[in-house]
Every structure is written in C-alpha cells, then in structure tokens.
C-alpha cells in the first residue's frame, strides 16, 4: 500500500484494480490501523474521484448481505431518501420524517441508515425511539416494504466489513478528517434502488455524487444542497439540485418561497437527542406541529414523490404530501412499521 499512498500524495488517481486492492486491504482488521489511516488521509487530501467512489461502492456491495428482489413487478421504483450528515446544523431527522410521508403517497422507500456519527441523533437512533425495529431480517424487511411502502435497513447489519474500519475512521474523525467511507455511506444501499434523493453538506460534493450515481446506474436521482450547506432541501433558503435521469444531468434551484412556504429561521429546525427528535416527528405526523418543521418534511417528501414518478412537479408533490399528513396516512405508515 505504500506505493498507492505515494501515488495519491503525488496527486494521482487509483485505477479499478488499485481501488479493488485498496478496499479489500482497508476492511481487513489484521492490517495496521495507522497505516490504513495514512492511506485514507492521502486519498482525502488528493480528493476522491467519482470513479474511485463508484469503485469502492461496488466492491463493498459485493461484501454486503443480500437484499431480495421484488417477487412481482412494481410500477413504482424503489427510492432511498438520505443525507450525508456533517452539515453541523443539528436539525431533527428530516429525511427520516419524509420517508413516512412519501410512502403514504405511494412511494416505495427503502431507507438505509446508521447510528449517529456527525450529529446527536442518526436515523437508526430516532427510529428506535419511535418504536420501529431496525434489525429486521431481509425477508421481514421485504414484507415491511410491501405492506407499508417503507422500510429501514440498518447499515451495520448489511455491511459487517464496516466494523473493521471503525477504529480507523474514529482515529481520523478525532483529527477532523472525513474519509471515502463517509462519502460512500449514502450510496451503498443493499436494495440497490433505481431512484434516490441524497442531500450533501457541501456544494463541492455535488458533482462527485452526481457522477457516482450515474456510474452506479441510478435511473433517476436528485443530489441536493441547501444554500446554507444543509444536507437536504432547505426550508430556510434556496437549494441547488443536480437531477440525473437515465445518465443525463441538469442543474436547477428550488426556492421554498416560490413554492408558497413562508420565510423562516433555521433555529426552529434544531432537534436534540433521539427522544426529542422522535417527539418532533410524531408531532408532525399527527398534525400537532404545523410550523416550518412540517414544511421541511413536506418539501423533502414531495421531492421523493416527484423522483418516484408519482407527481409531475413539486407543486403537485407538495399537495399530495400535505394531504397525506392531514389525512393521517403518514402516521399510519409509522404505526404499521412498528408492527414488524
């Protein structure tokens, strides 16, 4: 690996064979933690390319536990709704909330997630607090998806190889260094969804994600970044979007004011620990919270509905999602998920 580290330090990129060898070496816990950290540090400082990211994703997916294919054809594709984290906002779990509302509109949401790494509360943490099991067998998860329109896949259950790099990532995180494993996290859904809504915390990551999603074969996806570096579609400011459709991309902006939402301050979006965030989510789904926090969920769920092909545009998606919450359908998705 010393030769590969030297290549990276000279600004060179890794070819597919080198990516394959490096990935296998990194997930072997017998290898020295400091040396593995040195490699990841060099790759980060060079800057991960879309080819390297897609290569890591494909190799890691080969190591994952399998997720079953649909037993029958569905007109609505699977979609993942997630964010990278790392924006430092400590907002409540917007993308997790959007999962319930999007499913209530007919989307088939296969959300992969993990426990908290960069915030107080990760998607796995808040779902546990909501009474949703995060440790479903693949068969039970598939039944949950079919019967509720949504399911959560706990990343650590499907990617045991990640445990081997935990001490390496912790070492680098203490130094304030993210690694390629932070980037690939939102891309390694074992259900291999055709569609995806992924939020990133920096515009500098948008093109990397867009090109990686194309290489991974996503048929339709949005990469989004709020203008205040939010890893979701922002309710407080315009959001840049890169849309991918069958290998082609286009760039546009979503402004919540243009969609009829009122201007608000980001402080209202701040959450807390798992118990607090669970209360916020349940309050939104039960219609008890109707402020900007609900608007943020509506906005992001509407995007998932559009990407899934259920609505033709954001205006129509917003109407569908708002009605699903007002009619109690989004809350019913949560209640049904609790039974698995």
Protein backbone atom coordinates (compact mmCIF):
# COMPACT_ATOMS: atom_id res chain seq x y z
CA UNK A 1 0.00 0.00 0.00
CA UNK A 2 2.96 2.34 0.39
CA UNK A 3 3.19 2.68 -3.40
CA UNK A 4 -0.51 3.59 -3.61
CA UNK A 5 -0.13 6.12 -0.81
CA UNK A 6 2.80 7.67 -2.68
CA UNK A 7 0.68 7.80 -5.87
CA UNK A 8 -2.08 9.63 -4.02
CA UNK A 9 0.34 12.07 -2.41
CA UNK A 10 1.61 12.92 -5.90
CA UNK A 11 -1.97 13.70 -6.98
CA UNK A 12 -2.55 10.51 -8.94
CA UNK A 13 -5.88 8.65 -9.03
CA UNK A 14 -6.40 4.93 -8.50
CA UNK A 15 -7.34 2.63 -11.36
CA UNK A 16 -10.06 -0.04 -10.85
CA UNK A 17 -7.56 -2.75 -9.86
CA UNK A 18 -5.92 -0.47 -7.33
CA UNK A 19 -9.31 0.54 -5.90
CA UNK A 20 -10.21 -3.13 -5.52
CA UNK A 21 -6.95 -3.98 -3.76
CA UNK A 22 -7.15 -0.93 -1.51
CA UNK A 23 -10.72 -1.60 -0.44
CA UNK A 24 -10.01 -5.22 0.47
CA UNK A 25 -6.92 -4.14 2.42
CA UNK A 26 -8.79 -1.42 4.31
CA UNK A 27 -11.54 -3.75 5.54
CA UNK A 28 -9.05 -6.35 6.80
CA UNK A 29 -8.81 -5.67 10.52
CA UNK A 30 -5.48 -7.51 10.70
CA UNK A 31 -3.81 -4.59 8.91
CA UNK A 32 -2.29 -1.76 10.91
CA UNK A 33 -4.75 0.99 11.89
CA UNK A 34 -2.23 3.80 11.48
CA UNK A 35 -1.21 2.65 8.01
CA UNK A 36 -4.83 2.32 6.90
CA UNK A 37 -5.50 5.80 8.28
CA UNK A 38 -2.50 7.12 6.35
CA UNK A 39 -3.97 5.76 3.11
CA UNK A 40 -7.41 7.26 3.76
CA UNK A 41 -5.84 10.58 4.74
CA UNK A 42 -3.87 10.68 1.49
CA UNK A 43 -6.97 9.82 -0.56
CA UNK A 44 -8.95 12.57 1.19
CA UNK A 45 -6.21 15.16 0.67
CA UNK A 46 -5.97 14.23 -3.03
CA UNK A 47 -9.75 14.34 -3.38
CA UNK A 48 -11.86 11.27 -4.14
CA UNK A 49 -12.87 10.97 -7.80
CA UNK A 50 -16.29 9.69 -8.95
CA UNK A 51 -14.56 6.63 -10.42
CA UNK A 52 -12.92 5.85 -7.08
CA UNK A 53 -16.16 6.39 -5.17
CA UNK A 54 -18.17 4.16 -7.51
CA UNK A 55 -15.42 1.54 -7.36
CA UNK A 56 -15.49 1.44 -3.56
CA UNK A 57 -19.30 1.23 -3.59
CA UNK A 58 -19.35 -1.72 -5.98
CA UNK A 59 -16.72 -3.65 -4.03
CA UNK A 60 -18.42 -3.01 -0.68
CA UNK A 61 -21.76 -4.10 -2.12
CA UNK A 62 -20.18 -7.39 -3.14
CA UNK A 63 -19.37 -7.91 0.55
CA UNK A 64 -22.83 -6.97 1.80
CA UNK A 65 -25.57 -9.30 2.92
CA UNK A 66 -28.06 -9.68 0.03
CA UNK A 67 -31.45 -7.98 -0.08
CA UNK A 68 -34.17 -9.83 -2.05
CA UNK A 69 -35.53 -8.70 -5.39
CA UNK A 70 -39.21 -7.90 -5.73
CA UNK A 71 -41.31 -11.04 -6.17
CA UNK A 72 -43.56 -9.21 -8.60
CA UNK A 73 -43.20 -6.24 -10.90
CA UNK A 74 -43.97 -2.82 -9.47
CA UNK A 75 -44.78 0.30 -11.45
CA UNK A 76 -43.24 2.45 -8.70
CA UNK A 77 -39.46 2.06 -8.31
CA UNK A 78 -37.62 1.76 -5.01
CA UNK A 79 -36.17 5.01 -3.69
CA UNK A 80 -33.70 5.88 -0.95
CA UNK A 81 -34.04 9.20 0.89
CA UNK A 82 -30.97 10.17 2.86
CA UNK A 83 -28.36 12.78 3.66
CA UNK A 84 -24.63 12.66 4.24
CA UNK A 85 -24.79 14.38 7.61
CA UNK A 86 -21.87 16.57 8.52
CA UNK A 87 -23.58 19.91 7.99
CA UNK A 88 -23.24 20.81 11.68
CA UNK A 89 -26.81 22.09 11.89
CA UNK A 90 -28.12 19.53 14.40
CA UNK A 91 -31.55 19.62 12.76
CA UNK A 92 -34.08 16.95 13.59
CA UNK A 93 -34.19 13.94 11.22
CA UNK A 94 -35.89 15.48 8.20
CA UNK A 95 -35.18 12.73 5.66
CA UNK A 96 -36.38 10.05 8.09
CA UNK A 97 -39.60 12.02 8.61
CA UNK A 98 -40.01 12.39 4.85
CA UNK A 99 -39.87 8.60 4.48
CA UNK A 100 -43.28 8.18 6.15
CA UNK A 101 -44.97 10.95 4.18
CA UNK A 102 -43.56 9.83 0.83
CA UNK A 103 -44.63 6.23 1.48
CA UNK A 104 -48.11 7.46 2.35
CA UNK A 105 -48.29 8.95 -1.17
CA UNK A 106 -47.41 5.64 -2.80
CA UNK A 107 -43.61 5.80 -2.93
CA UNK A 108 -41.60 2.63 -2.14
CA UNK A 109 -38.96 3.93 0.26
CA UNK A 110 -36.02 1.70 1.15
CA UNK A 111 -34.06 3.90 3.51
CA UNK A 112 -30.61 2.81 4.58
CA UNK A 113 -29.06 4.47 7.60
CA UNK A 114 -26.91 4.22 10.66
CA UNK A 115 -26.48 5.47 14.16
CA UNK A 116 -25.28 8.99 14.79
CA UNK A 117 -21.78 9.87 13.64
CA UNK A 118 -21.87 13.62 12.96
CA UNK A 119 -24.99 14.68 14.88
CA UNK A 120 -26.80 13.98 18.13
CA UNK A 121 -29.22 11.55 16.53
CA UNK A 122 -28.93 9.31 13.48
CA UNK A 123 -31.79 7.72 11.57
CA UNK A 124 -31.36 4.40 13.38
CA UNK A 125 -31.43 6.15 16.74
CA UNK A 126 -34.66 8.08 16.09
CA UNK A 127 -36.44 5.11 14.54
CA UNK A 128 -35.69 3.04 17.64
CA UNK A 129 -37.08 5.85 19.75
CA UNK A 130 -40.21 5.80 17.56
CA UNK A 131 -40.67 2.09 18.24
CA UNK A 132 -39.55 0.87 14.80
CA UNK A 133 -37.31 -2.19 14.70
CA UNK A 134 -34.02 -1.50 12.94
CA UNK A 135 -32.89 -5.14 12.95
CA UNK A 136 -35.23 -6.88 10.50
CA UNK A 137 -34.24 -9.96 8.56
CA UNK A 138 -34.15 -9.46 4.81
CA UNK A 139 -37.42 -11.37 4.44
CA UNK A 140 -39.16 -9.33 7.16
CA UNK A 141 -37.80 -6.12 5.64
CA UNK A 142 -39.21 -7.05 2.26
CA UNK A 143 -42.60 -7.79 3.82
CA UNK A 144 -42.47 -4.44 5.61
CA UNK A 145 -41.79 -2.65 2.32
CA UNK A 146 -44.63 -4.45 0.56
CA UNK A 147 -47.14 -3.84 3.34
CA UNK A 148 -46.26 -0.29 4.41
CA UNK A 149 -44.45 1.26 1.46
CA UNK A 150 -41.33 1.88 3.55
CA UNK A 151 -38.56 0.00 5.32
CA UNK A 152 -35.33 0.84 7.11
CA UNK A 153 -32.13 -1.12 6.51
CA UNK A 154 -29.53 -0.78 9.25
CA UNK A 155 -26.16 -0.36 7.53
CA UNK A 156 -24.18 -2.27 10.16
CA UNK A 157 -26.39 -5.33 9.70
CA UNK A 158 -25.80 -5.44 5.95
CA UNK A 159 -22.16 -4.33 5.87
CA UNK A 160 -20.24 -6.21 8.57
CA UNK A 161 -16.99 -5.20 6.84
CA UNK A 162 -17.57 -1.66 8.09
CA UNK A 163 -16.80 -2.79 11.62
CA UNK A 164 -13.19 -3.41 10.61
CA UNK A 165 -12.70 0.22 9.57
CA UNK A 166 -14.40 1.72 12.63
CA UNK A 167 -11.16 2.29 14.60
CA UNK A 168 -9.56 3.83 11.50
CA UNK A 169 -12.46 6.22 10.97
CA UNK A 170 -12.52 7.12 14.66
CA UNK A 171 -8.81 7.95 14.57
CA UNK A 172 -9.27 10.26 11.58
CA UNK A 173 -12.53 11.75 12.89
CA UNK A 174 -10.65 12.87 16.00
CA UNK A 175 -8.41 14.82 13.62
CA UNK A 176 -11.39 16.32 11.80
CA UNK A 177 -10.79 14.27 8.66
CA UNK A 178 -13.64 12.63 6.75
CA UNK A 179 -12.88 9.61 4.59
CA UNK A 180 -14.23 7.94 1.48
CA UNK A 181 -16.36 5.80 3.80
CA UNK A 182 -18.30 8.93 4.76
CA UNK A 183 -18.95 9.56 1.07
CA UNK A 184 -19.97 6.03 0.11
CA UNK A 185 -22.36 5.61 3.06
CA UNK A 186 -25.42 7.09 1.27
CA UNK A 187 -24.60 5.13 -1.90
CA UNK A 188 -24.36 1.52 -0.69
CA UNK A 189 -28.00 0.69 -0.13
CA UNK A 190 -28.15 -3.14 -0.44
CA UNK A 191 -31.61 -2.90 -2.03
CA UNK A 192 -29.96 -1.15 -5.00
CA UNK A 193 -32.81 1.35 -5.55
CA UNK A 194 -33.42 2.76 -9.01
CA UNK A 195 -34.09 6.22 -7.54
CA UNK A 196 -32.52 8.34 -4.85
CA UNK A 197 -32.80 11.68 -3.08
CA UNK A 198 -29.46 12.41 -1.43
CA UNK A 199 -28.54 15.57 0.44
CA UNK A 200 -24.91 16.65 0.81
CA UNK A 201 -23.43 19.17 3.24
CA UNK A 202 -21.21 20.94 0.69
CA UNK A 203 -21.70 22.04 -2.91
CA UNK A 204 -18.20 20.74 -3.56
CA UNK A 205 -19.53 17.20 -3.16
CA UNK A 206 -22.48 17.57 -5.53
CA UNK A 207 -20.71 16.75 -8.78
CA UNK A 208 -18.89 13.80 -7.18
CA UNK A 209 -22.20 12.34 -6.03
CA UNK A 210 -23.96 13.06 -9.32
CA UNK A 211 -21.26 11.35 -11.38
CA UNK A 212 -21.07 8.45 -8.91
CA UNK A 213 -24.85 7.91 -9.09
CA UNK A 214 -24.66 7.81 -12.88
CA UNK A 215 -21.89 5.20 -12.71
CA UNK A 216 -23.92 3.18 -10.22
CA UNK A 217 -26.87 3.05 -12.60
CA UNK A 218 -29.48 5.12 -10.77
CA UNK A 219 -32.27 5.80 -13.26
CA UNK A 220 -33.41 8.98 -11.56
CA UNK A 221 -31.85 10.86 -8.66
CA UNK A 222 -31.52 14.29 -7.13
CA UNK A 223 -28.40 15.48 -5.36
CA UNK A 224 -29.34 18.48 -3.22
CA UNK A 225 -27.52 21.02 -1.07
CA UNK A 226 -29.16 23.93 0.70
CA UNK A 227 -27.50 27.30 0.16
CA UNK A 228 -26.66 27.36 3.87
CA UNK A 229 -24.91 23.98 3.44
CA UNK A 230 -27.86 21.88 4.60
CA UNK A 231 -27.79 18.21 3.55
CA UNK A 232 -31.43 18.30 2.46
CA UNK A 233 -33.81 20.55 0.54
CA UNK A 234 -33.81 23.65 2.70
CA UNK A 235 -36.93 25.30 4.04
CA UNK A 236 -34.86 28.37 5.03
CA UNK A 237 -33.06 29.18 1.75
CA UNK A 238 -32.82 28.16 -1.92
CA UNK A 239 -31.41 24.72 -2.66
CA UNK A 240 -29.24 23.70 -5.59
CA UNK A 241 -30.30 20.46 -7.27
CA UNK A 242 -28.49 18.23 -9.74
CA UNK A 243 -31.04 15.91 -11.31
CA UNK A 244 -29.97 12.68 -13.01
CA UNK A 245 -32.27 10.95 -15.46
CA UNK A 246 -31.01 7.89 -17.34
CA UNK A 247 -27.39 9.02 -17.34
CA UNK A 248 -28.00 12.68 -18.13
CA UNK A 249 -27.92 15.54 -15.64
CA UNK A 250 -29.30 19.04 -15.30
CA UNK A 251 -28.90 21.75 -12.68
CA UNK A 252 -31.70 23.84 -11.15
CA UNK A 253 -32.74 25.60 -7.95
CA UNK A 254 -35.66 25.08 -5.57
CA UNK A 255 -36.74 28.14 -3.58
CA UNK A 256 -39.28 27.43 -0.80
CA UNK A 257 -40.69 30.96 -1.15
CA UNK A 258 -41.57 30.25 -4.80
CA UNK A 259 -43.49 27.17 -3.64
CA UNK A 260 -45.66 29.07 -1.19
CA UNK A 261 -43.75 28.45 2.03
CA UNK A 262 -43.12 31.27 4.47
CA UNK A 263 -39.65 32.59 5.25
CA UNK A 264 -38.28 31.14 8.47
CA UNK A 265 -35.16 30.98 10.60
CA UNK A 266 -33.13 27.78 10.78
CA UNK A 267 -33.16 27.75 14.57
CA UNK A 268 -36.65 26.25 14.57
CA UNK A 269 -35.25 23.17 12.80
CA UNK A 270 -32.79 22.27 15.56
CA UNK A 271 -33.54 18.95 17.21
CA UNK A 272 -31.86 17.10 20.04
CA UNK A 273 -31.42 13.54 21.18
CA UNK A 274 -33.38 10.57 19.86
CA UNK A 275 -36.29 11.04 22.27
CA UNK A 276 -36.73 14.71 21.37
CA UNK A 277 -36.48 14.10 17.63
CA UNK A 278 -38.97 11.24 17.87
CA UNK A 279 -41.42 13.61 19.58
CA UNK A 280 -40.96 16.14 16.78
CA UNK A 281 -41.55 13.54 14.06
CA UNK A 282 -44.62 12.11 15.74
CA UNK A 283 -45.94 15.63 16.34
CA UNK A 284 -45.61 16.41 12.64
CA UNK A 285 -47.23 13.17 11.52
CA UNK A 286 -50.12 13.60 14.00
CA UNK A 287 -50.75 17.17 12.84
CA UNK A 288 -49.76 18.73 16.17
CA UNK A 289 -46.70 20.50 14.70
CA UNK A 290 -47.59 22.69 11.72
CA UNK A 291 -44.68 25.13 11.62
CA UNK A 292 -41.58 25.20 9.39
CA UNK A 293 -40.54 21.76 10.62
CA UNK A 294 -43.60 20.24 8.95
CA UNK A 295 -42.94 22.37 5.87
CA UNK A 296 -39.40 20.94 5.62
CA UNK A 297 -40.77 17.39 5.75
CA UNK A 298 -43.40 18.23 3.12
CA UNK A 299 -40.77 19.76 0.85
CA UNK A 300 -38.39 16.80 1.03
CA UNK A 301 -41.12 14.16 0.81
CA UNK A 302 -42.54 15.97 -2.23
CA UNK A 303 -39.16 15.66 -3.94
CA UNK A 304 -39.17 11.91 -3.26
CA UNK A 305 -42.67 11.67 -4.72
CA UNK A 306 -41.57 13.54 -7.86
CA UNK A 307 -38.42 11.43 -8.28
CA UNK A 308 -40.54 8.27 -7.91
CA UNK A 309 -42.81 9.44 -10.74
CA UNK A 310 -45.91 9.78 -8.53
CA UNK A 311 -46.17 13.55 -9.07
CA UNK A 312 -45.20 15.50 -12.17
CA UNK A 313 -43.73 18.50 -10.35
CA UNK A 314 -43.02 19.89 -6.91
CA UNK A 315 -46.31 21.76 -6.65
CA UNK A 316 -48.29 18.56 -7.22
CA UNK A 317 -46.00 16.63 -4.90
CA UNK A 318 -46.45 19.17 -2.13
CA UNK A 319 -50.23 18.90 -2.40
CA UNK A 320 -50.10 15.09 -2.20
CA UNK A 321 -47.74 15.06 0.77
CA UNK A 322 -49.62 17.73 2.69
CA UNK A 323 -52.86 15.77 2.25
CA UNK A 324 -51.20 12.52 3.35
CA UNK A 325 -50.23 14.16 6.64
CA UNK A 326 -53.56 15.93 7.16
CA UNK A 327 -55.48 12.70 6.48
CA UNK A 328 -53.34 10.71 8.93
CA UNK A 329 -51.91 8.43 6.24
CA UNK A 330 -48.28 9.29 7.00
CA UNK A 331 -48.82 8.49 10.69
CA UNK A 332 -50.43 5.22 9.67
CA UNK A 333 -47.22 4.23 7.84
CA UNK A 334 -45.28 4.70 11.08
CA UNK A 335 -47.85 2.75 13.07
CA UNK A 336 -47.73 -0.17 10.62
CA UNK A 337 -43.91 -0.17 10.60
CA UNK A 338 -43.99 -0.56 14.38
CA UNK A 339 -45.69 -3.93 13.99
CA UNK A 340 -42.68 -5.52 12.28
